[in-house]
Amino acid sequence: MGKPVTPEIIVEITLYPSEVGGRKGAILQGEYRGVLGVGSENFSVRFFVPFEDGFSPSRTQRFGVQFLVPEAALPHFPAGAEFSVWEGRVIGSGRVLEVLRHA
């Protein structure tokens, strides 16, 4: 499973339903590695999904997110920033609720 996730930001993410291009199935419980995008910039992240039934399309949840390269990403993710969740295509959107670590 890798090292524990030490979040740099707290976000709220909504996964789109498959009818509008989102995932067909849930993001499974455990560590998730993905990409968050702001404008034309994309950043690799990881967060932990604690729910036994996973994180299903059409749901909105809060997560603590850790960036692969926080020094590059954090300036793009101030509190209130909106972003997309990308997995080969946009599968969701979110916004930053709180910044725990500044670059």
N, C-alpha and C. Protein backbone atom coordinates (compact mmCIF):
# COMPACT_ATOMS: atom_id res chain seq x y z
N MET A 1 0.82 -1.20 0.00
CA MET A 1 0.00 0.00 0.00
C MET A 1 0.86 1.25 0.00
N GLY A 2 2.11 1.17 0.29
CA GLY A 2 2.97 2.35 0.28
C GLY A 2 2.94 3.08 1.60
N LYS A 3 3.64 4.22 1.63
CA LYS A 3 3.69 5.04 2.84
C LYS A 3 2.34 5.68 3.10
N PRO A 4 2.04 6.00 4.37
CA PRO A 4 0.78 6.69 4.65
C PRO A 4 0.72 8.03 3.91
N VAL A 5 -0.48 8.44 3.56
CA VAL A 5 -0.67 9.72 2.89
C VAL A 5 -0.59 10.83 3.94
N THR A 6 0.31 11.78 3.72
CA THR A 6 0.42 12.97 4.57
C THR A 6 -0.13 14.14 3.76
N PRO A 7 -1.38 14.54 4.03
CA PRO A 7 -2.02 15.53 3.16
C PRO A 7 -1.42 16.92 3.25
N GLU A 8 -1.42 17.59 2.08
CA GLU A 8 -1.01 18.98 2.00
C GLU A 8 -2.21 19.90 1.84
N ILE A 9 -3.30 19.34 1.31
CA ILE A 9 -4.54 20.10 1.17
C ILE A 9 -5.72 19.19 1.52
N ILE A 10 -6.82 19.81 1.94
CA ILE A 10 -8.09 19.11 2.15
C ILE A 10 -9.01 19.57 1.02
N VAL A 11 -9.62 18.61 0.34
CA VAL A 11 -10.46 18.92 -0.81
C VAL A 11 -11.82 18.24 -0.69
N GLU A 12 -12.73 18.74 -1.48
CA GLU A 12 -14.03 18.09 -1.67
C GLU A 12 -14.10 17.71 -3.13
N ILE A 13 -14.34 16.42 -3.41
CA ILE A 13 -14.36 15.92 -4.79
C ILE A 13 -15.73 15.32 -5.08
N THR A 14 -16.24 15.64 -6.27
CA THR A 14 -17.46 15.02 -6.78
C THR A 14 -17.08 14.21 -8.01
N LEU A 15 -17.39 12.93 -7.99
CA LEU A 15 -17.17 12.09 -9.17
C LEU A 15 -18.39 12.17 -10.07
N TYR A 16 -18.15 12.34 -11.36
CA TYR A 16 -19.24 12.41 -12.33
C TYR A 16 -19.82 11.02 -12.58
N PRO A 17 -21.13 10.94 -12.82
CA PRO A 17 -21.71 9.64 -13.19
C PRO A 17 -21.24 9.23 -14.59
N SER A 18 -21.30 7.95 -14.88
CA SER A 18 -20.81 7.44 -16.17
C SER A 18 -21.58 8.04 -17.34
N GLU A 19 -22.85 8.43 -17.14
CA GLU A 19 -23.65 9.01 -18.23
C GLU A 19 -23.05 10.32 -18.77
N VAL A 20 -22.25 11.00 -17.97
CA VAL A 20 -21.63 12.24 -18.43
C VAL A 20 -20.11 12.12 -18.53
N GLY A 21 -19.63 10.87 -18.71
CA GLY A 21 -18.22 10.65 -18.94
C GLY A 21 -17.41 10.24 -17.74
N GLY A 22 -18.04 10.09 -16.58
CA GLY A 22 -17.33 9.67 -15.38
C GLY A 22 -17.02 8.19 -15.39
N ARG A 23 -16.49 7.72 -14.28
CA ARG A 23 -16.15 6.29 -14.14
C ARG A 23 -17.42 5.44 -14.13
N LYS A 24 -17.25 4.20 -14.54
CA LYS A 24 -18.37 3.26 -14.46
C LYS A 24 -18.47 2.68 -13.05
N GLY A 25 -17.34 2.47 -12.39
CA GLY A 25 -17.33 1.89 -11.06
C GLY A 25 -16.68 2.81 -10.05
N ALA A 26 -16.76 2.40 -8.80
CA ALA A 26 -16.21 3.18 -7.69
C ALA A 26 -14.68 3.14 -7.68
N ILE A 27 -14.09 4.16 -7.08
CA ILE A 27 -12.67 4.11 -6.73
C ILE A 27 -12.62 3.25 -5.47
N LEU A 28 -11.87 2.17 -5.50
CA LEU A 28 -11.87 1.20 -4.42
C LEU A 28 -11.21 1.73 -3.16
N GLN A 29 -11.60 1.12 -2.04
CA GLN A 29 -11.01 1.46 -0.75
C GLN A 29 -9.50 1.28 -0.82
N GLY A 30 -8.77 2.20 -0.19
CA GLY A 30 -7.31 2.14 -0.17
C GLY A 30 -6.71 3.37 -0.82
N GLU A 31 -5.42 3.29 -1.12
CA GLU A 31 -4.73 4.42 -1.71
C GLU A 31 -5.13 4.59 -3.17
N TYR A 32 -5.44 5.82 -3.55
CA TYR A 32 -5.77 6.16 -4.94
C TYR A 32 -4.70 7.11 -5.45
N ARG A 33 -4.20 6.84 -6.63
CA ARG A 33 -3.24 7.74 -7.28
C ARG A 33 -3.89 8.27 -8.54
N GLY A 34 -3.90 9.58 -8.67
CA GLY A 34 -4.57 10.19 -9.80
C GLY A 34 -3.95 11.52 -10.16
N VAL A 35 -4.69 12.29 -10.93
CA VAL A 35 -4.22 13.58 -11.44
C VAL A 35 -5.30 14.62 -11.20
N LEU A 36 -4.89 15.77 -10.63
CA LEU A 36 -5.77 16.92 -10.48
C LEU A 36 -5.29 18.01 -11.42
N GLY A 37 -6.22 18.67 -12.08
CA GLY A 37 -5.87 19.71 -13.04
C GLY A 37 -6.46 21.06 -12.69
N VAL A 38 -5.65 22.10 -12.86
CA VAL A 38 -6.10 23.48 -12.71
C VAL A 38 -5.69 24.19 -13.98
N GLY A 39 -6.67 24.68 -14.74
CA GLY A 39 -6.36 25.30 -16.02
C GLY A 39 -5.68 24.28 -16.92
N SER A 40 -4.52 24.63 -17.45
CA SER A 40 -3.79 23.71 -18.34
C SER A 40 -2.71 22.92 -17.59
N GLU A 41 -2.63 23.09 -16.27
CA GLU A 41 -1.62 22.40 -15.45
C GLU A 41 -2.22 21.18 -14.78
N ASN A 42 -1.49 20.06 -14.78
CA ASN A 42 -1.94 18.83 -14.14
C ASN A 42 -0.88 18.34 -13.17
N PHE A 43 -1.34 17.78 -12.03
CA PHE A 43 -0.43 17.38 -10.97
C PHE A 43 -0.81 16.01 -10.43
N SER A 44 0.18 15.15 -10.25
CA SER A 44 -0.04 13.81 -9.70
C SER A 44 -0.28 13.91 -8.20
N VAL A 45 -1.28 13.14 -7.74
CA VAL A 45 -1.65 13.16 -6.33
C VAL A 45 -1.92 11.74 -5.84
N ARG A 46 -2.05 11.64 -4.53
CA ARG A 46 -2.57 10.42 -3.94
C ARG A 46 -3.41 10.80 -2.73
N PHE A 47 -4.42 9.99 -2.50
CA PHE A 47 -5.23 10.15 -1.31
C PHE A 47 -5.78 8.78 -0.92
N PHE A 48 -6.30 8.69 0.29
CA PHE A 48 -6.77 7.42 0.81
C PHE A 48 -8.29 7.41 0.85
N VAL A 49 -8.89 6.38 0.27
CA VAL A 49 -10.34 6.20 0.29
C VAL A 49 -10.66 5.24 1.45
N PRO A 50 -11.27 5.74 2.53
CA PRO A 50 -11.48 4.90 3.71
C PRO A 50 -12.76 4.05 3.68
N PHE A 51 -13.61 4.27 2.71
CA PHE A 51 -14.94 3.65 2.71
C PHE A 51 -14.89 2.22 2.17
N GLU A 52 -15.52 1.28 2.89
CA GLU A 52 -15.53 -0.12 2.45
C GLU A 52 -16.12 -0.28 1.06
N ASP A 53 -17.16 0.51 0.76
CA ASP A 53 -17.81 0.40 -0.55
C ASP A 53 -17.15 1.30 -1.60
N GLY A 54 -16.02 1.92 -1.24
CA GLY A 54 -15.29 2.77 -2.18
C GLY A 54 -15.92 4.15 -2.30
N PHE A 55 -15.49 4.87 -3.31
CA PHE A 55 -15.95 6.23 -3.61
C PHE A 55 -16.65 6.15 -4.96
N SER A 56 -17.97 6.16 -4.94
CA SER A 56 -18.77 5.90 -6.13
C SER A 56 -19.07 7.15 -6.95
N PRO A 57 -19.25 6.97 -8.26
CA PRO A 57 -19.70 8.07 -9.10
C PRO A 57 -20.99 8.68 -8.54
N SER A 58 -21.14 9.98 -8.73
CA SER A 58 -22.26 10.80 -8.27
C SER A 58 -22.16 11.16 -6.78
N ARG A 59 -21.12 10.69 -6.09
CA ARG A 59 -20.94 11.06 -4.69
C ARG A 59 -19.94 12.20 -4.56
N THR A 60 -20.07 12.92 -3.44
CA THR A 60 -19.13 13.98 -3.09
C THR A 60 -18.55 13.63 -1.73
N GLN A 61 -17.21 13.69 -1.63
CA GLN A 61 -16.52 13.34 -0.39
C GLN A 61 -15.34 14.27 -0.16
N ARG A 62 -14.92 14.34 1.10
CA ARG A 62 -13.72 15.10 1.47
C ARG A 62 -12.53 14.15 1.59
N PHE A 63 -11.38 14.65 1.16
CA PHE A 63 -10.15 13.86 1.24
C PHE A 63 -8.98 14.77 1.57
N GLY A 64 -7.97 14.21 2.25
CA GLY A 64 -6.68 14.85 2.40
C GLY A 64 -5.81 14.39 1.25
N VAL A 65 -5.27 15.33 0.49
CA VAL A 65 -4.53 15.03 -0.74
C VAL A 65 -3.06 15.35 -0.57
N GLN A 66 -2.23 14.43 -1.07
CA GLN A 66 -0.77 14.61 -1.08
C GLN A 66 -0.31 14.69 -2.53
N PHE A 67 0.52 15.69 -2.83
CA PHE A 67 1.06 15.85 -4.18
C PHE A 67 2.38 15.10 -4.33
N LEU A 68 2.63 14.61 -5.55
CA LEU A 68 3.90 13.98 -5.85
C LEU A 68 5.03 15.01 -5.77
N VAL A 69 4.77 16.22 -6.29
CA VAL A 69 5.76 17.31 -6.26
C VAL A 69 5.06 18.54 -5.66
N PRO A 70 4.97 18.61 -4.33
CA PRO A 70 4.21 19.69 -3.70
C PRO A 70 4.72 21.09 -4.03
N GLU A 71 6.03 21.24 -4.19
CA GLU A 71 6.58 22.57 -4.47
C GLU A 71 6.02 23.13 -5.78
N ALA A 72 5.80 22.27 -6.76
CA ALA A 72 5.26 22.71 -8.05
C ALA A 72 3.75 22.89 -7.99
N ALA A 73 3.07 22.03 -7.22
CA ALA A 73 1.61 22.01 -7.24
C ALA A 73 0.96 23.03 -6.32
N LEU A 74 1.46 23.18 -5.11
CA LEU A 74 0.77 23.99 -4.11
C LEU A 74 0.42 25.41 -4.53
N PRO A 75 1.28 26.11 -5.27
CA PRO A 75 0.89 27.46 -5.69
C PRO A 75 -0.39 27.50 -6.53
N HIS A 76 -0.76 26.39 -7.16
CA HIS A 76 -1.95 26.32 -8.00
C HIS A 76 -3.20 25.91 -7.22
N PHE A 77 -3.04 25.57 -5.94
CA PHE A 77 -4.15 25.02 -5.15
C PHE A 77 -4.38 25.80 -3.86
N PRO A 78 -4.66 27.11 -3.95
CA PRO A 78 -5.01 27.86 -2.74
C PRO A 78 -6.43 27.47 -2.29
N ALA A 79 -6.78 27.81 -1.07
CA ALA A 79 -8.14 27.56 -0.59
C ALA A 79 -9.14 28.20 -1.56
N GLY A 80 -10.17 27.44 -1.90
CA GLY A 80 -11.19 27.92 -2.83
C GLY A 80 -10.94 27.57 -4.28
N ALA A 81 -9.72 27.13 -4.62
CA ALA A 81 -9.40 26.79 -6.02
C ALA A 81 -10.25 25.61 -6.48
N GLU A 82 -10.71 25.68 -7.73
CA GLU A 82 -11.47 24.58 -8.32
C GLU A 82 -10.56 23.81 -9.26
N PHE A 83 -10.77 22.50 -9.35
CA PHE A 83 -9.91 21.64 -10.15
C PHE A 83 -10.72 20.52 -10.77
N SER A 84 -10.10 19.85 -11.73
CA SER A 84 -10.70 18.66 -12.33
C SER A 84 -9.95 17.42 -11.83
N VAL A 85 -10.64 16.29 -11.88
CA VAL A 85 -10.03 15.00 -11.56
C VAL A 85 -9.92 14.26 -12.88
N TRP A 86 -8.70 13.86 -13.24
CA TRP A 86 -8.43 13.32 -14.56
C TRP A 86 -7.97 11.88 -14.46
N GLU A 87 -8.52 11.04 -15.32
CA GLU A 87 -8.16 9.62 -15.37
C GLU A 87 -8.29 9.18 -16.84
N GLY A 88 -7.43 9.74 -17.68
CA GLY A 88 -7.56 9.51 -19.12
C GLY A 88 -8.58 10.44 -19.74
N ARG A 89 -9.44 10.98 -18.92
CA ARG A 89 -10.46 11.98 -19.27
C ARG A 89 -10.90 12.60 -17.93
N VAL A 90 -11.67 13.65 -17.98
CA VAL A 90 -12.16 14.26 -16.74
C VAL A 90 -13.26 13.38 -16.16
N ILE A 91 -13.06 12.92 -14.92
CA ILE A 91 -14.04 12.05 -14.27
C ILE A 91 -14.70 12.69 -13.06
N GLY A 92 -14.28 13.93 -12.75
CA GLY A 92 -14.86 14.60 -11.60
C GLY A 92 -14.30 15.99 -11.45
N SER A 93 -14.78 16.67 -10.43
CA SER A 93 -14.31 18.02 -10.14
C SER A 93 -14.26 18.20 -8.63
N GLY A 94 -13.59 19.26 -8.22
CA GLY A 94 -13.49 19.50 -6.80
C GLY A 94 -13.03 20.90 -6.50
N ARG A 95 -12.93 21.16 -5.21
CA ARG A 95 -12.41 22.45 -4.77
C ARG A 95 -11.61 22.26 -3.50
N VAL A 96 -10.65 23.16 -3.30
CA VAL A 96 -9.78 23.11 -2.13
C VAL A 96 -10.52 23.75 -0.96
N LEU A 97 -10.63 23.01 0.14
CA LEU A 97 -11.26 23.54 1.34
C LEU A 97 -10.26 24.16 2.29
N GLU A 98 -9.05 23.57 2.34
CA GLU A 98 -8.05 24.04 3.31
C GLU A 98 -6.66 23.66 2.82
N VAL A 99 -5.70 24.56 3.05
CA VAL A 99 -4.29 24.28 2.73
C VAL A 99 -3.58 24.01 4.05
N LEU A 100 -2.97 22.83 4.15
CA LEU A 100 -2.28 22.44 5.39
C LEU A 100 -0.79 22.73 5.33
N ARG A 101 -0.25 22.75 4.10
CA ARG A 101 1.19 23.01 3.93
C ARG A 101 1.36 23.96 2.76
N HIS A 102 2.14 25.00 2.96
CA HIS A 102 2.40 25.96 1.89
C HIS A 102 3.75 25.70 1.27
N ALA A 103 3.85 25.95 -0.04
CA ALA A 103 5.12 25.72 -0.76
C ALA A 103 6.16 26.72 -0.33
